[in-house]
Amino acid sequence: YRIGNSENADATLKGEIIRISRSPARSVRGNVLATSEFNLAMRER
């Protein structure tokens, strides 16, 4: 798709950033309290 302005575009893509968070995805083997991987949903700058 080409990027255009609202006057000459066939469609408009609107987005809303509601929340930014981080959650653990995988724990360290043998220690379920320690995390080895995170799912980052835009938390750290």
Full PDB file with SEQRES, HELIX, SHEET, SSBOND, CRYST1, ORIGX, SCALE, CONECT and MASTER records, all heavy atoms in Angstrom:
SEQRES   1 A   45  TYR ARG ILE GLY ASN SER GLU ASN ALA ASP ALA THR LEU          
SEQRES   2 A   45  LYS GLY GLU ILE ILE ARG ILE SER ARG SER PRO ALA ARG          
SEQRES   3 A   45  SER VAL ARG GLY ASN VAL LEU ALA THR SER GLU PHE ASN          
SEQRES   4 A   45  LEU ALA MET ARG GLU ARG                                      
SHEET    1 AA1 2 SER A  21  VAL A  28  0                                        
SHEET    2 AA1 2 ASN A  31  ALA A  41 -1                                        
CRYST1    1.000    1.000    1.000  90.00  90.00  90.00 P 1           1          
ORIGX1      1.000000  0.000000  0.000000        0.00000                         
ORIGX2      0.000000  1.000000  0.000000        0.00000                         
ORIGX3      0.000000  0.000000  1.000000        0.00000                         
SCALE1      1.000000  0.000000  0.000000        0.00000                         
SCALE2      0.000000  1.000000  0.000000        0.00000                         
SCALE3      0.000000  0.000000  1.000000        0.00000                         
ATOM      1  N   TYR A   1       0.842  -1.193   0.000  1.00  0.00           N  
ATOM      2  CA  TYR A   1       0.000   0.000   0.000  1.00  0.00           C  
ATOM      3  C   TYR A   1       0.880   1.247   0.000  1.00  0.00           C  
ATOM      4  O   TYR A   1       1.954   1.253   0.593  1.00  0.00           O  
ATOM      5  CB  TYR A   1      -0.887   0.037   1.253  1.00  0.00           C  
ATOM      6  CG  TYR A   1      -1.763  -1.171   1.420  1.00  0.00           C  
ATOM      7  CD1 TYR A   1      -1.432  -2.183   2.315  1.00  0.00           C  
ATOM      8  CD2 TYR A   1      -2.919  -1.313   0.677  1.00  0.00           C  
ATOM      9  CE1 TYR A   1      -2.235  -3.289   2.474  1.00  0.00           C  
ATOM     10  CE2 TYR A   1      -3.728  -2.426   0.826  1.00  0.00           C  
ATOM     11  CZ  TYR A   1      -3.380  -3.408   1.729  1.00  0.00           C  
ATOM     12  OH  TYR A   1      -4.176  -4.509   1.871  1.00  0.00           O  
ATOM     13  N   ARG A   2       0.383   2.299  -0.645  1.00  0.00           N  
ATOM     14  CA  ARG A   2       1.052   3.598  -0.581  1.00  0.00           C  
ATOM     15  C   ARG A   2       0.503   4.348   0.626  1.00  0.00           C  
ATOM     16  O   ARG A   2      -0.644   4.188   0.999  1.00  0.00           O  
ATOM     17  CB  ARG A   2       0.802   4.406  -1.849  1.00  0.00           C  
ATOM     18  CG  ARG A   2       1.507   3.859  -3.064  1.00  0.00           C  
ATOM     19  CD  ARG A   2       1.423   4.813  -4.246  1.00  0.00           C  
ATOM     20  NE  ARG A   2       0.171   5.539  -4.319  1.00  0.00           N  
ATOM     21  CZ  ARG A   2      -0.802   5.308  -5.183  1.00  0.00           C  
ATOM     22  NH1 ARG A   2      -0.675   4.362  -6.071  1.00  0.00           N  
ATOM     23  NH2 ARG A   2      -1.910   6.027  -5.172  1.00  0.00           N  
ATOM     24  N   ILE A   3       1.320   5.215   1.192  1.00  0.00           N  
ATOM     25  CA  ILE A   3       0.891   6.038   2.308  1.00  0.00           C  
ATOM     26  C   ILE A   3       0.459   7.385   1.750  1.00  0.00           C  
ATOM     27  O   ILE A   3       1.184   8.002   0.969  1.00  0.00           O  
ATOM     28  CB  ILE A   3       2.030   6.228   3.340  1.00  0.00           C  
ATOM     29  CG1 ILE A   3       2.544   4.869   3.826  1.00  0.00           C  
ATOM     30  CG2 ILE A   3       1.567   7.080   4.510  1.00  0.00           C  
ATOM     31  CD1 ILE A   3       1.520   4.027   4.532  1.00  0.00           C  
ATOM     32  N   GLY A   4      -0.716   7.841   2.135  1.00  0.00           N  
ATOM     33  CA  GLY A   4      -1.225   9.123   1.664  1.00  0.00           C  
ATOM     34  C   GLY A   4      -1.869   9.880   2.811  1.00  0.00           C  
ATOM     35  O   GLY A   4      -1.869   9.440   3.960  1.00  0.00           O  
ATOM     36  N   ASN A   5      -2.432  11.036   2.467  1.00  0.00           N  
ATOM     37  CA  ASN A   5      -3.146  11.801   3.496  1.00  0.00           C  
ATOM     38  C   ASN A   5      -4.622  11.436   3.449  1.00  0.00           C  
ATOM     39  O   ASN A   5      -5.074  10.698   2.584  1.00  0.00           O  
ATOM     40  CB  ASN A   5      -2.924  13.303   3.316  1.00  0.00           C  
ATOM     41  CG  ASN A   5      -3.302  13.782   1.932  1.00  0.00           C  
ATOM     42  OD1 ASN A   5      -4.127  13.166   1.268  1.00  0.00           O  
ATOM     43  ND2 ASN A   5      -2.696  14.863   1.496  1.00  0.00           N  
ATOM     44  N   SER A   6      -5.391  11.978   4.374  1.00  0.00           N  
ATOM     45  CA  SER A   6      -6.790  11.566   4.493  1.00  0.00           C  
ATOM     46  C   SER A   6      -7.641  12.004   3.301  1.00  0.00           C  
ATOM     47  O   SER A   6      -8.688  11.414   3.051  1.00  0.00           O  
ATOM     48  CB  SER A   6      -7.381  12.123   5.789  1.00  0.00           C  
ATOM     49  OG  SER A   6      -7.261  13.531   5.806  1.00  0.00           O  
ATOM     50  N   GLU A   7      -7.198  13.002   2.545  1.00  0.00           N  
ATOM     51  CA  GLU A   7      -7.981  13.462   1.398  1.00  0.00           C  
ATOM     52  C   GLU A   7      -7.880  12.525   0.195  1.00  0.00           C  
ATOM     53  O   GLU A   7      -8.829  12.366  -0.554  1.00  0.00           O  
ATOM     54  CB  GLU A   7      -7.542  14.870   0.959  1.00  0.00           C  
ATOM     55  CG  GLU A   7      -7.966  15.969   1.913  1.00  0.00           C  
ATOM     56  CD  GLU A   7      -6.988  16.119   3.063  1.00  0.00           C  
ATOM     57  OE1 GLU A   7      -5.777  15.877   2.859  1.00  0.00           O  
ATOM     58  OE2 GLU A   7      -7.438  16.452   4.165  1.00  0.00           O  
ATOM     59  N   ASN A   8      -6.711  11.911  -0.014  1.00  0.00           N  
ATOM     60  CA  ASN A   8      -6.541  11.087  -1.218  1.00  0.00           C  
ATOM     61  C   ASN A   8      -6.394   9.595  -0.928  1.00  0.00           C  
ATOM     62  O   ASN A   8      -6.087   8.833  -1.822  1.00  0.00           O  
ATOM     63  CB  ASN A   8      -5.337  11.576  -2.033  1.00  0.00           C  
ATOM     64  CG  ASN A   8      -4.019  11.382  -1.308  1.00  0.00           C  
ATOM     65  OD1 ASN A   8      -3.967  10.855  -0.208  1.00  0.00           O  
ATOM     66  ND2 ASN A   8      -2.950  11.822  -1.928  1.00  0.00           N  
ATOM     67  N   ALA A   9      -6.648   9.171   0.294  1.00  0.00           N  
ATOM     68  CA  ALA A   9      -6.479   7.752   0.650  1.00  0.00           C  
ATOM     69  C   ALA A   9      -7.767   6.971   0.421  1.00  0.00           C  
ATOM     70  O   ALA A   9      -8.869   7.499   0.543  1.00  0.00           O  
ATOM     71  CB  ALA A   9      -6.055   7.632   2.103  1.00  0.00           C  
ATOM     72  N   ASP A  10      -7.597   5.695   0.079  1.00  0.00           N  
ATOM     73  CA  ASP A  10      -8.736   4.793  -0.079  1.00  0.00           C  
ATOM     74  C   ASP A  10      -9.239   4.285   1.276  1.00  0.00           C  
ATOM     75  O   ASP A  10     -10.398   3.903   1.405  1.00  0.00           O  
ATOM     76  CB  ASP A  10      -8.348   3.591  -0.944  1.00  0.00           C  
ATOM     77  CG  ASP A  10      -7.899   4.014  -2.330  1.00  0.00           C  
ATOM     78  OD1 ASP A  10      -8.488   4.959  -2.881  1.00  0.00           O  
ATOM     79  OD2 ASP A  10      -6.958   3.390  -2.857  1.00  0.00           O  
ATOM     80  N   ALA A  11      -8.361   4.253   2.271  1.00  0.00           N  
ATOM     81  CA  ALA A  11      -8.716   3.770   3.605  1.00  0.00           C  
ATOM     82  C   ALA A  11      -7.876   4.511   4.635  1.00  0.00           C  
ATOM     83  O   ALA A  11      -6.828   5.079   4.308  1.00  0.00           O  
ATOM     84  CB  ALA A  11      -8.475   2.273   3.717  1.00  0.00           C  
ATOM     85  N   THR A  12      -8.333   4.492   5.869  1.00  0.00           N  
ATOM     86  CA  THR A  12      -7.613   5.122   6.974  1.00  0.00           C  
ATOM     87  C   THR A  12      -7.396   4.087   8.061  1.00  0.00           C  
ATOM     88  O   THR A  12      -8.332   3.394   8.466  1.00  0.00           O  
ATOM     89  CB  THR A  12      -8.402   6.317   7.542  1.00  0.00           C  
ATOM     90  OG1 THR A  12      -8.620   7.267   6.494  1.00  0.00           O  
ATOM     91  CG2 THR A  12      -7.648   6.990   8.662  1.00  0.00           C  
ATOM     92  N   LEU A  13      -6.147   3.975   8.519  1.00  0.00           N  
ATOM     93  CA  LEU A  13      -5.803   3.065   9.608  1.00  0.00           C  
ATOM     94  C   LEU A  13      -5.666   3.891  10.882  1.00  0.00           C  
ATOM     95  O   LEU A  13      -4.788   4.737  10.989  1.00  0.00           O  
ATOM     96  CB  LEU A  13      -4.493   2.334   9.312  1.00  0.00           C  
ATOM     97  CG  LEU A  13      -3.957   1.450  10.426  1.00  0.00           C  
ATOM     98  CD1 LEU A  13      -4.888   0.273  10.670  1.00  0.00           C  
ATOM     99  CD2 LEU A  13      -2.558   0.964  10.097  1.00  0.00           C  
ATOM    100  N   LYS A  14      -6.564   3.652  11.831  1.00  0.00           N  
ATOM    101  CA  LYS A  14      -6.520   4.368  13.107  1.00  0.00           C  
ATOM    102  C   LYS A  14      -6.113   3.385  14.193  1.00  0.00           C  
ATOM    103  O   LYS A  14      -6.547   2.235  14.185  1.00  0.00           O  
ATOM    104  CB  LYS A  14      -7.875   4.974  13.435  1.00  0.00           C  
ATOM    105  CG  LYS A  14      -8.282   6.070  12.475  1.00  0.00           C  
ATOM    106  CD  LYS A  14      -9.616   6.662  12.853  1.00  0.00           C  
ATOM    107  CE  LYS A  14      -9.989   7.754  11.864  1.00  0.00           C  
ATOM    108  NZ  LYS A  14     -11.292   8.344  12.182  1.00  0.00           N  
ATOM    109  N   GLY A  15      -5.283   3.857  15.115  1.00  0.00           N  
ATOM    110  CA  GLY A  15      -4.832   3.004  16.206  1.00  0.00           C  
ATOM    111  C   GLY A  15      -4.910   3.718  17.534  1.00  0.00           C  
ATOM    112  O   GLY A  15      -4.847   4.941  17.601  1.00  0.00           O  
ATOM    113  N   GLU A  16      -5.056   2.931  18.596  1.00  0.00           N  
ATOM    114  CA  GLU A  16      -5.141   3.470  19.937  1.00  0.00           C  
ATOM    115  C   GLU A  16      -4.274   2.625  20.856  1.00  0.00           C  
ATOM    116  O   GLU A  16      -4.418   1.403  20.908  1.00  0.00           O  
ATOM    117  CB  GLU A  16      -6.599   3.434  20.400  1.00  0.00           C  
ATOM    118  CG  GLU A  16      -6.840   4.088  21.716  1.00  0.00           C  
ATOM    119  CD  GLU A  16      -8.317   4.114  22.044  1.00  0.00           C  
ATOM    120  OE1 GLU A  16      -9.019   4.995  21.522  1.00  0.00           O  
ATOM    121  OE2 GLU A  16      -8.766   3.234  22.805  1.00  0.00           O  
ATOM    122  N   ILE A  17      -3.361   3.270  21.548  1.00  0.00           N  
ATOM    123  CA  ILE A  17      -2.483   2.580  22.498  1.00  0.00           C  
ATOM    124  C   ILE A  17      -3.153   2.687  23.856  1.00  0.00           C  
ATOM    125  O   ILE A  17      -3.231   3.763  24.439  1.00  0.00           O  
ATOM    126  CB  ILE A  17      -1.082   3.208  22.508  1.00  0.00           C  
ATOM    127  CG1 ILE A  17      -0.508   3.178  21.095  1.00  0.00           C  
ATOM    128  CG2 ILE A  17      -0.176   2.481  23.487  1.00  0.00           C  
ATOM    129  CD1 ILE A  17       0.697   4.056  20.907  1.00  0.00           C  
ATOM    130  N   ILE A  18      -3.632   1.564  24.349  1.00  0.00           N  
ATOM    131  CA  ILE A  18      -4.426   1.563  25.578  1.00  0.00           C  
ATOM    132  C   ILE A  18      -3.569   1.249  26.803  1.00  0.00           C  
ATOM    133  O   ILE A  18      -3.673   1.903  27.827  1.00  0.00           O  
ATOM    134  CB  ILE A  18      -5.568   0.537  25.476  1.00  0.00           C  
ATOM    135  CG1 ILE A  18      -6.490   0.937  24.333  1.00  0.00           C  
ATOM    136  CG2 ILE A  18      -6.335   0.436  26.773  1.00  0.00           C  
ATOM    137  CD1 ILE A  18      -7.511  -0.111  23.998  1.00  0.00           C  
ATOM    138  N   ARG A  19      -2.717   0.241  26.684  1.00  0.00           N  
ATOM    139  CA  ARG A  19      -1.931  -0.191  27.840  1.00  0.00           C  
ATOM    140  C   ARG A  19      -0.610  -0.758  27.380  1.00  0.00           C  
ATOM    141  O   ARG A  19      -0.514  -1.358  26.313  1.00  0.00           O  
ATOM    142  CB  ARG A  19      -2.702  -1.252  28.613  1.00  0.00           C  
ATOM    143  CG  ARG A  19      -2.029  -1.667  29.894  1.00  0.00           C  
ATOM    144  CD  ARG A  19      -2.803  -2.719  30.588  1.00  0.00           C  
ATOM    145  NE  ARG A  19      -2.853  -3.899  29.706  1.00  0.00           N  
ATOM    146  CZ  ARG A  19      -3.637  -4.932  29.916  1.00  0.00           C  
ATOM    147  NH1 ARG A  19      -4.442  -4.956  30.933  1.00  0.00           N  
ATOM    148  NH2 ARG A  19      -3.618  -5.950  29.099  1.00  0.00           N  
ATOM    149  N   ILE A  20       0.392  -0.591  28.191  1.00  0.00           N  
ATOM    150  CA  ILE A  20       1.710  -1.148  27.917  1.00  0.00           C  
ATOM    151  C   ILE A  20       2.105  -1.957  29.143  1.00  0.00           C  
ATOM    152  O   ILE A  20       2.144  -1.433  30.249  1.00  0.00           O  
ATOM    153  CB  ILE A  20       2.730  -0.025  27.629  1.00  0.00           C  
ATOM    154  CG1 ILE A  20       2.313   0.736  26.381  1.00  0.00           C  
ATOM    155  CG2 ILE A  20       4.124  -0.588  27.487  1.00  0.00           C  
ATOM    156  CD1 ILE A  20       3.137   1.951  26.089  1.00  0.00           C  
ATOM    157  N   SER A  21       2.380  -3.249  28.952  1.00  0.00           N  
ATOM    158  CA  SER A  21       2.701  -4.097  30.093  1.00  0.00           C  
ATOM    159  C   SER A  21       3.699  -5.172  29.700  1.00  0.00           C  
ATOM    160  O   SER A  21       3.978  -5.385  28.525  1.00  0.00           O  
ATOM    161  CB  SER A  21       1.427  -4.748  30.646  1.00  0.00           C  
ATOM    162  OG  SER A  21       0.860  -5.575  29.672  1.00  0.00           O  
ATOM    163  N   ARG A  22       4.231  -5.856  30.726  1.00  0.00           N  
ATOM    164  CA  ARG A  22       5.194  -6.941  30.522  1.00  0.00           C  
ATOM    165  C   ARG A  22       4.792  -8.100  31.414  1.00  0.00           C  
ATOM    166  O   ARG A  22       4.401  -7.900  32.560  1.00  0.00           O  
ATOM    167  CB  ARG A  22       6.586  -6.443  30.888  1.00  0.00           C  
ATOM    168  CG  ARG A  22       7.662  -7.474  30.742  1.00  0.00           C  
ATOM    169  CD  ARG A  22       8.982  -6.915  31.158  1.00  0.00           C  
ATOM    170  NE  ARG A  22       9.097  -6.964  32.611  1.00  0.00           N  
ATOM    171  CZ  ARG A  22      10.221  -6.786  33.260  1.00  0.00           C  
ATOM    172  NH1 ARG A  22      11.319  -6.504  32.617  1.00  0.00           N  
ATOM    173  NH2 ARG A  22      10.251  -6.863  34.565  1.00  0.00           N  
ATOM    174  N   SER A  23       4.899  -9.324  30.884  1.00  0.00           N  
ATOM    175  CA  SER A  23       4.545 -10.499  31.676  1.00  0.00           C  
ATOM    176  C   SER A  23       5.562 -11.603  31.414  1.00  0.00           C  
ATOM    177  O   SER A  23       6.116 -11.697  30.321  1.00  0.00           O  
ATOM    178  CB  SER A  23       3.138 -10.980  31.318  1.00  0.00           C  
ATOM    179  OG  SER A  23       3.096 -11.355  29.965  1.00  0.00           O  
ATOM    180  N   PRO A  24       5.829 -12.437  32.423  1.00  0.00           N  
ATOM    181  CA  PRO A  24       6.782 -13.531  32.221  1.00  0.00           C  
ATOM    182  C   PRO A  24       6.246 -14.578  31.254  1.00  0.00           C  
ATOM    183  O   PRO A  24       5.067 -14.908  31.283  1.00  0.00           O  
ATOM    184  CB  PRO A  24       6.965 -14.118  33.623  1.00  0.00           C  
ATOM    185  CG  PRO A  24       5.825 -13.632  34.420  1.00  0.00           C  
ATOM    186  CD  PRO A  24       5.315 -12.382  33.775  1.00  0.00           C  
ATOM    187  N   ALA A  25       7.123 -15.053  30.385  1.00  0.00           N  
ATOM    188  CA  ALA A  25       6.724 -16.065  29.401  1.00  0.00           C  
ATOM    189  C   ALA A  25       7.306 -17.433  29.731  1.00  0.00           C  
ATOM    190  O   ALA A  25       6.686 -18.452  29.463  1.00  0.00           O  
ATOM    191  CB  ALA A  25       7.173 -15.643  28.004  1.00  0.00           C  
ATOM    192  N   ARG A  26       8.505 -17.466  30.289  1.00  0.00           N  
ATOM    193  CA  ARG A  26       9.166 -18.746  30.563  1.00  0.00           C  
ATOM    194  C   ARG A  26       9.981 -18.619  31.844  1.00  0.00           C  
ATOM    195  O   ARG A  26      10.711 -17.655  32.034  1.00  0.00           O  
ATOM    196  CB  ARG A  26      10.084 -19.084  29.393  1.00  0.00           C  
ATOM    197  CG  ARG A  26      10.655 -20.466  29.448  1.00  0.00           C  
ATOM    198  CD  ARG A  26      11.409 -20.777  28.212  1.00  0.00           C  
ATOM    199  NE  ARG A  26      10.467 -20.783  27.090  1.00  0.00           N  
ATOM    200  CZ  ARG A  26      10.778 -21.125  25.869  1.00  0.00           C  
ATOM    201  NH1 ARG A  26      11.989 -21.501  25.586  1.00  0.00           N  
ATOM    202  NH2 ARG A  26       9.881 -21.097  24.907  1.00  0.00           N  
ATOM    203  N   SER A  27       9.873 -19.617  32.704  1.00  0.00           N  
ATOM    204  CA  SER A  27      10.612 -19.616  33.963  1.00  0.00           C  
ATOM    205  C   SER A  27      11.939 -20.342  33.804  1.00  0.00           C  
ATOM    206  O   SER A  27      12.123 -21.154  32.894  1.00  0.00           O  
ATOM    207  CB  SER A  27       9.798 -20.313  35.059  1.00  0.00           C  
ATOM    208  OG  SER A  27       8.599 -19.631  35.279  1.00  0.00           O  
ATOM    209  N   VAL A  28      12.849 -20.074  34.732  1.00  0.00           N  
ATOM    210  CA  VAL A  28      14.127 -20.773  34.770  1.00  0.00           C  
ATOM    211  C   VAL A  28      13.870 -22.195  35.248  1.00  0.00           C  
ATOM    212  O   VAL A  28      13.078 -22.423  36.170  1.00  0.00           O  
ATOM    213  CB  VAL A  28      15.106 -20.049  35.726  1.00  0.00           C  
ATOM    214  CG1 VAL A  28      16.410 -20.818  35.875  1.00  0.00           C  
ATOM    215  CG2 VAL A  28      15.363 -18.641  35.238  1.00  0.00           C  
ATOM    216  N   ARG A  29      14.526 -23.155  34.616  1.00  0.00           N  
ATOM    217  CA  ARG A  29      14.331 -24.554  34.989  1.00  0.00           C  
ATOM    218  C   ARG A  29      14.779 -24.752  36.439  1.00  0.00           C  
ATOM    219  O   ARG A  29      15.876 -24.373  36.820  1.00  0.00           O  
ATOM    220  CB  ARG A  29      15.143 -25.447  34.072  1.00  0.00           C  
ATOM    221  CG  ARG A  29      14.943 -26.924  34.363  1.00  0.00           C  
ATOM    222  CD  ARG A  29      15.684 -27.769  33.396  1.00  0.00           C  
ATOM    223  NE  ARG A  29      14.962 -27.715  32.121  1.00  0.00           N  
ATOM    224  CZ  ARG A  29      15.337 -28.332  31.028  1.00  0.00           C  
ATOM    225  NH1 ARG A  29      16.443 -29.044  31.033  1.00  0.00           N  
ATOM    226  NH2 ARG A  29      14.640 -28.250  29.926  1.00  0.00           N  
ATOM    227  N   GLY A  30      13.899 -25.305  37.241  1.00  0.00           N  
ATOM    228  CA  GLY A  30      14.212 -25.565  38.640  1.00  0.00           C  
ATOM    229  C   GLY A  30      13.836 -24.424  39.566  1.00  0.00           C  
ATOM    230  O   GLY A  30      13.900 -24.569  40.779  1.00  0.00           O  
ATOM    231  N   ASN A  31      13.453 -23.253  39.025  1.00  0.00           N  
ATOM    232  CA  ASN A  31      13.071 -22.126  39.859  1.00  0.00           C  
ATOM    233  C   ASN A  31      11.925 -21.390  39.167  1.00  0.00           C  
ATOM    234  O   ASN A  31      12.141 -20.556  38.301  1.00  0.00           O  
ATOM    235  CB  ASN A  31      14.259 -21.188  40.090  1.00  0.00           C  
ATOM    236  CG  ASN A  31      13.920 -20.065  41.045  1.00  0.00           C  
ATOM    237  OD1 ASN A  31      12.802 -19.974  41.547  1.00  0.00           O  
ATOM    238  ND2 ASN A  31      14.894 -19.215  41.296  1.00  0.00           N  
ATOM    239  N   VAL A  32      10.719 -21.686  39.583  1.00  0.00           N  
ATOM    240  CA  VAL A  32       9.560 -21.100  38.913  1.00  0.00           C  
ATOM    241  C   VAL A  32       9.369 -19.628  39.249  1.00  0.00           C  
ATOM    242  O   VAL A  32       8.587 -18.940  38.605  1.00  0.00           O  
ATOM    243  CB  VAL A  32       8.259 -21.893  39.255  1.00  0.00           C  
ATOM    244  CG1 VAL A  32       8.334 -23.289  38.692  1.00  0.00           C  
ATOM    245  CG2 VAL A  32       8.000 -21.896  40.748  1.00  0.00           C  
ATOM    246  N   LEU A  33      10.086 -19.143  40.260  1.00  0.00           N  
ATOM    247  CA  LEU A  33       9.971 -17.727  40.618  1.00  0.00           C  
ATOM    248  C   LEU A  33      10.876 -16.832  39.770  1.00  0.00           C  
ATOM    249  O   LEU A  33      10.659 -15.631  39.694  1.00  0.00           O  
ATOM    250  CB  LEU A  33      10.271 -17.528  42.103  1.00  0.00           C  
ATOM    251  CG  LEU A  33       9.320 -18.266  43.063  1.00  0.00           C  
ATOM    252  CD1 LEU A  33       9.765 -18.061  44.499  1.00  0.00           C  
ATOM    253  CD2 LEU A  33       7.898 -17.787  42.862  1.00  0.00           C  
ATOM    254  N   ALA A  34      11.896 -17.416  39.144  1.00  0.00           N  
ATOM    255  CA  ALA A  34      12.799 -16.645  38.286  1.00  0.00           C  
ATOM    256  C   ALA A  34      12.343 -16.773  36.834  1.00  0.00           C  
ATOM    257  O   ALA A  34      11.916 -17.832  36.397  1.00  0.00           O  
ATOM    258  CB  ALA A  34      14.231 -17.155  38.436  1.00  0.00           C  
ATOM    259  N   THR A  35      12.450 -15.684  36.090  1.00  0.00           N  
ATOM    260  CA  THR A  35      11.979 -15.659  34.709  1.00  0.00           C  
ATOM    261  C   THR A  35      13.141 -15.579  33.748  1.00  0.00           C  
ATOM    262  O   THR A  35      14.072 -14.794  33.933  1.00  0.00           O  
ATOM    263  CB  THR A  35      11.054 -14.449  34.500  1.00  0.00           C  
ATOM    264  OG1 THR A  35      10.001 -14.523  35.453  1.00  0.00           O  
ATOM    265  CG2 THR A  35      10.483 -14.420  33.120  1.00  0.00           C  
ATOM    266  N   SER A  36      13.101 -16.398  32.695  1.00  0.00           N  
ATOM    267  CA  SER A  36      14.156 -16.363  31.685  1.00  0.00           C  
ATOM    268  C   SER A  36      13.717 -15.637  30.419  1.00  0.00           C  
ATOM    269  O   SER A  36      14.545 -15.149  29.670  1.00  0.00           O  
ATOM    270  CB  SER A  36      14.609 -17.780  31.332  1.00  0.00           C  
ATOM    271  OG  SER A  36      13.537 -18.499  30.745  1.00  0.00           O  
ATOM    272  N   GLU A  37      12.398 -15.572  30.151  1.00  0.00           N  
ATOM    273  CA  GLU A  37      11.872 -14.855  28.988  1.00  0.00           C  
ATOM    274  C   GLU A  37      10.641 -14.073  29.390  1.00  0.00           C  
ATOM    275  O   GLU A  37       9.861 -14.512  30.228  1.00  0.00           O  
ATOM    276  CB  GLU A  37      11.473 -15.828  27.872  1.00  0.00           C  
ATOM    277  CG  GLU A  37      12.604 -16.324  27.050  1.00  0.00           C  
ATOM    278  CD  GLU A  37      12.106 -17.187  25.895  1.00  0.00           C  
ATOM    279  OE1 GLU A  37      11.000 -16.932  25.385  1.00  0.00           O  
ATOM    280  OE2 GLU A  37      12.832 -18.113  25.524  1.00  0.00           O  
ATOM    281  N   PHE A  38      10.488 -12.899  28.772  1.00  0.00           N  
ATOM    282  CA  PHE A  38       9.328 -12.060  29.023  1.00  0.00           C  
ATOM    283  C   PHE A  38       8.561 -11.830  27.736  1.00  0.00           C  
ATOM    284  O   PHE A  38       9.147 -11.795  26.654  1.00  0.00           O  
ATOM    285  CB  PHE A  38       9.762 -10.684  29.557  1.00  0.00           C  
ATOM    286  CG  PHE A  38      10.221 -10.698  30.969  1.00  0.00           C  
ATOM    287  CD1 PHE A  38      11.566 -10.785  31.272  1.00  0.00           C  
ATOM    288  CD2 PHE A  38       9.317 -10.603  32.005  1.00  0.00           C  
ATOM    289  CE1 PHE A  38      12.006 -10.787  32.569  1.00  0.00           C  
ATOM    290  CE2 PHE A  38       9.739 -10.600  33.323  1.00  0.00           C  
ATOM    291  CZ  PHE A  38      11.085 -10.691  33.608  1.00  0.00           C  
ATOM    292  N   ASN A  39       7.267 -11.682  27.853  1.00  0.00           N  
ATOM    293  CA  ASN A  39       6.457 -11.144  26.767  1.00  0.00           C  
ATOM    294  C   ASN A  39       6.410  -9.644  27.001  1.00  0.00           C  
ATOM    295  O   ASN A  39       5.870  -9.193  28.009  1.00  0.00           O  
ATOM    296  CB  ASN A  39       5.033 -11.704  26.794  1.00  0.00           C  
ATOM    297  CG  ASN A  39       4.972 -13.112  26.304  1.00  0.00           C  
ATOM    298  OD1 ASN A  39       5.757 -13.516  25.457  1.00  0.00           O  
ATOM    299  ND2 ASN A  39       4.039 -13.881  26.834  1.00  0.00           N  
ATOM    300  N   LEU A  40       6.999  -8.901  26.106  1.00  0.00           N  
ATOM    301  CA  LEU A  40       7.047  -7.453  26.267  1.00  0.00           C  
ATOM    302  C   LEU A  40       5.907  -6.841  25.490  1.00  0.00           C  
ATOM    303  O   LEU A  40       5.770  -7.053  24.289  1.00  0.00           O  
ATOM    304  CB  LEU A  40       8.372  -6.890  25.761  1.00  0.00           C  
ATOM    305  CG  LEU A  40       8.511  -5.382  25.849  1.00  0.00           C  
ATOM    306  CD1 LEU A  40       8.467  -4.933  27.298  1.00  0.00           C  
ATOM    307  CD2 LEU A  40       9.795  -4.944  25.206  1.00  0.00           C  
ATOM    308  N   ALA A  41       5.101  -6.121  26.185  1.00  0.00           N  
ATOM    309  CA  ALA A  41       4.017  -5.390  25.544  1.00  0.00           C  
ATOM    310  C   ALA A  41       4.248  -3.908  25.818  1.00  0.00           C  
ATOM    311  O   ALA A  41       3.453  -3.242  26.462  1.00  0.00           O  
ATOM    312  CB  ALA A  41       2.673  -5.863  26.082  1.00  0.00           C  
ATOM    313  N   MET A  42       5.394  -3.428  25.397  1.00  0.00           N  
ATOM    314  CA  MET A  42       5.782  -2.029  25.513  1.00  0.00           C  
ATOM    315  C   MET A  42       5.766  -1.511  26.940  1.00  0.00           C  
ATOM    316  O   MET A  42       4.908  -0.752  27.330  1.00  0.00           O  
ATOM    317  CB  MET A  42       4.876  -1.153  24.651  1.00  0.00           C  
ATOM    318  CG  MET A  42       5.021  -1.367  23.219  1.00  0.00           C  
ATOM    319  SD  MET A  42       4.088  -0.094  22.419  1.00  0.00           S  
ATOM    320  CE  MET A  42       4.045  -0.719  20.799  1.00  0.00           C  
ATOM    321  N   ARG A  43       6.725  -1.887  27.727  1.00  0.00           N  
ATOM    322  CA  ARG A  43       6.800  -1.423  29.117  1.00  0.00           C  
ATOM    323  C   ARG A  43       8.048  -0.582  29.328  1.00  0.00           C  
ATOM    324  O   ARG A  43       7.979   0.492  29.877  1.00  0.00           O  
ATOM    325  CB  ARG A  43       6.807  -2.637  30.050  1.00  0.00           C  
ATOM    326  CG  ARG A  43       6.870  -2.298  31.486  1.00  0.00           C  
ATOM    327  CD  ARG A  43       5.497  -2.047  31.987  1.00  0.00           C  
ATOM    328  NE  ARG A  43       5.512  -1.751  33.396  1.00  0.00           N  
ATOM    329  CZ  ARG A  43       4.597  -1.017  33.963  1.00  0.00           C  
ATOM    330  NH1 ARG A  43       3.641  -0.495  33.262  1.00  0.00           N  
ATOM    331  NH2 ARG A  43       4.625  -0.808  35.247  1.00  0.00           N  
ATOM    332  N   GLU A  44       9.183  -1.125  28.964  1.00  0.00           N  
ATOM    333  CA  GLU A  44      10.449  -0.423  29.212  1.00  0.00           C  
ATOM    334  C   GLU A  44      10.758   0.495  28.040  1.00  0.00           C  
ATOM    335  O   GLU A  44      10.623   0.119  26.893  1.00  0.00           O  
ATOM    336  CB  GLU A  44      11.564  -1.444  29.401  1.00  0.00           C  
ATOM    337  CG  GLU A  44      11.323  -2.345  30.601  1.00  0.00           C  
ATOM    338  CD  GLU A  44      12.326  -3.461  30.651  1.00  0.00           C  
ATOM    339  OE1 GLU A  44      13.320  -3.400  29.904  1.00  0.00           O  
ATOM    340  OE2 GLU A  44      12.122  -4.384  31.425  1.00  0.00           O  
ATOM    341  N   ARG A  45      11.202   1.667  28.345  1.00  0.00           N  
ATOM    342  CA  ARG A  45      11.455   2.676  27.318  1.00  0.00           C  
ATOM    343  C   ARG A  45      12.532   2.225  26.329  1.00  0.00           C  
ATOM    344  O   ARG A  45      12.438   2.497  25.143  1.00  0.00           O  
ATOM    345  CB  ARG A  45      11.876   3.993  27.998  1.00  0.00           C  
ATOM    346  CG  ARG A  45      12.027   5.133  27.051  1.00  0.00           C  
ATOM    347  CD  ARG A  45      10.678   5.564  26.537  1.00  0.00           C  
ATOM    348  NE  ARG A  45      10.843   6.636  25.586  1.00  0.00           N  
ATOM    349  CZ  ARG A  45       9.927   7.010  24.741  1.00  0.00           C  
ATOM    350  NH1 ARG A  45       8.776   6.421  24.735  1.00  0.00           N  
ATOM    351  NH2 ARG A  45      10.140   7.984  23.909  1.00  0.00           N  
TER     352      ARG A  45                                                      
MASTER        0    0    0    0    2    0    0    6  351    1    0    4          
END                                                                             
